[in-house]
Amino acid sequence: MNHIITRQARARAALVAAVSRRIPGPRDRGDVPGWVLITIMTAGLVTALWAIAGPQLGQLFSDAISNVKGP
């Protein structure tokens, strides 16, 4: 009878060990994905460039529109 219980315990331990290797643990969670960082950094760069070059770009657009001649 003890052999049966020991075999069952070993089989159960082996099964738990095999399953725990396949299921990602909590250490795989909580990390910010790369695409989130890229999106935030791109938005920051666009905002900074817009703050610096916004008036010049607006003037450039206004000049281009005013130079358009229609039929």
C-alpha atoms as a PDB file:
ATOM      1  CA  MET A   1       0.000   0.000   0.000  1.00  0.00           C
ATOM      2  CA  ASN A   2       2.833   2.418   0.771  1.00  0.00           C
ATOM      3  CA  HIS A   3       4.342   1.780  -2.671  1.00  0.00           C
ATOM      4  CA  ILE A   4       1.108   2.903  -4.317  1.00  0.00           C
ATOM      5  CA  ILE A   5       0.934   6.098  -2.273  1.00  0.00           C
ATOM      6  CA  THR A   6       4.606   6.829  -2.930  1.00  0.00           C
ATOM      7  CA  ARG A   7       4.170   6.301  -6.685  1.00  0.00           C
ATOM      8  CA  GLN A   8       1.111   8.549  -6.714  1.00  0.00           C
ATOM      9  CA  ALA A   9       2.986  11.261  -4.822  1.00  0.00           C
ATOM     10  CA  ARG A  10       5.938  11.046  -7.221  1.00  0.00           C
ATOM     11  CA  ALA A  11       3.636  11.148 -10.250  1.00  0.00           C
ATOM     12  CA  ARG A  12       1.760  14.123  -8.825  1.00  0.00           C
ATOM     13  CA  ALA A  13       5.029  15.960  -8.093  1.00  0.00           C
ATOM     14  CA  ALA A  14       6.303  15.267 -11.616  1.00  0.00           C
ATOM     15  CA  LEU A  15       3.041  16.514 -13.126  1.00  0.00           C
ATOM     16  CA  VAL A  16       3.081  19.702 -11.049  1.00  0.00           C
ATOM     17  CA  ALA A  17       6.706  20.333 -12.008  1.00  0.00           C
ATOM     18  CA  ALA A  18       5.978  19.823 -15.724  1.00  0.00           C
ATOM     19  CA  VAL A  19       2.941  22.090 -15.692  1.00  0.00           C
ATOM     20  CA  SER A  20       4.670  24.822 -13.699  1.00  0.00           C
ATOM     21  CA  ARG A  21       7.453  24.986 -16.295  1.00  0.00           C
ATOM     22  CA  ARG A  22       4.948  25.659 -19.078  1.00  0.00           C
ATOM     23  CA  ILE A  23       2.740  28.227 -17.389  1.00  0.00           C
ATOM     24  CA  PRO A  24       4.378  31.660 -17.178  1.00  0.00           C
ATOM     25  CA  GLY A  25       4.713  32.846 -13.621  1.00  0.00           C
ATOM     26  CA  PRO A  26       4.100  36.244 -12.073  1.00  0.00           C
ATOM     27  CA  ARG A  27       7.605  37.361 -13.030  1.00  0.00           C
ATOM     28  CA  ASP A  28       6.405  37.672 -16.648  1.00  0.00           C
ATOM     29  CA  ARG A  29       3.844  40.288 -15.678  1.00  0.00           C
ATOM     30  CA  GLY A  30       4.209  43.945 -14.779  1.00  0.00           C
ATOM     31  CA  ASP A  31       6.710  44.847 -17.474  1.00  0.00           C
ATOM     32  CA  VAL A  32       5.775  47.739 -19.761  1.00  0.00           C
ATOM     33  CA  PRO A  33       5.622  46.498 -23.362  1.00  0.00           C
ATOM     34  CA  GLY A  34       8.016  48.061 -25.829  1.00  0.00           C
ATOM     35  CA  TRP A  35       5.262  49.431 -28.039  1.00  0.00           C
ATOM     36  CA  VAL A  36       3.893  51.475 -25.126  1.00  0.00           C
ATOM     37  CA  LEU A  37       7.281  53.076 -24.535  1.00  0.00           C
ATOM     38  CA  ILE A  38       7.747  53.774 -28.257  1.00  0.00           C
ATOM     39  CA  THR A  39       4.291  55.379 -28.461  1.00  0.00           C
ATOM     40  CA  ILE A  40       4.893  57.594 -25.436  1.00  0.00           C
ATOM     41  CA  MET A  41       8.343  58.645 -26.635  1.00  0.00           C
ATOM     42  CA  THR A  42       7.032  59.445 -30.124  1.00  0.00           C
ATOM     43  CA  ALA A  43       4.224  61.548 -28.687  1.00  0.00           C
ATOM     44  CA  GLY A  44       6.758  63.403 -26.534  1.00  0.00           C
ATOM     45  CA  LEU A  45       9.016  64.106 -29.512  1.00  0.00           C
ATOM     46  CA  VAL A  46       6.115  65.350 -31.633  1.00  0.00           C
ATOM     47  CA  THR A  47       4.941  67.616 -28.809  1.00  0.00           C
ATOM     48  CA  ALA A  48       8.424  69.035 -28.286  1.00  0.00           C
ATOM     49  CA  LEU A  49       8.956  69.684 -31.998  1.00  0.00           C
ATOM     50  CA  TRP A  50       5.520  71.227 -32.314  1.00  0.00           C
ATOM     51  CA  ALA A  51       6.215  73.549 -29.373  1.00  0.00           C
ATOM     52  CA  ILE A  52       9.501  74.678 -30.925  1.00  0.00           C
ATOM     53  CA  ALA A  53       8.607  74.847 -34.619  1.00  0.00           C
ATOM     54  CA  GLY A  54       4.837  75.398 -34.423  1.00  0.00           C
ATOM     55  CA  PRO A  55       4.785  79.096 -35.358  1.00  0.00           C
ATOM     56  CA  GLN A  56       7.222  78.590 -38.254  1.00  0.00           C
ATOM     57  CA  LEU A  57       5.206  75.657 -39.598  1.00  0.00           C
ATOM     58  CA  GLY A  58       2.005  77.688 -39.327  1.00  0.00           C
ATOM     59  CA  GLN A  59       3.584  80.561 -41.233  1.00  0.00           C
ATOM     60  CA  LEU A  60       4.939  78.170 -43.856  1.00  0.00           C
ATOM     61  CA  PHE A  61       1.468  76.706 -44.365  1.00  0.00           C
ATOM     62  CA  SER A  62      -0.147  80.157 -44.590  1.00  0.00           C
ATOM     63  CA  ASP A  63       2.417  81.300 -47.167  1.00  0.00           C
ATOM     64  CA  ALA A  64       1.891  78.162 -49.239  1.00  0.00           C
ATOM     65  CA  ILE A  65      -1.901  78.575 -49.221  1.00  0.00           C
ATOM     66  CA  SER A  66      -1.729  82.254 -50.091  1.00  0.00           C
ATOM     67  CA  ASN A  67       0.530  81.529 -53.091  1.00  0.00           C
ATOM     68  CA  VAL A  68      -1.957  79.064 -54.612  1.00  0.00           C
ATOM     69  CA  LYS A  69      -3.531  80.614 -57.693  1.00  0.00           C
ATOM     70  CA  GLY A  70      -6.822  79.321 -58.969  1.00  0.00           C
ATOM     71  CA  PRO A  71      -8.217  79.464 -62.516  1.00  0.00           C
END
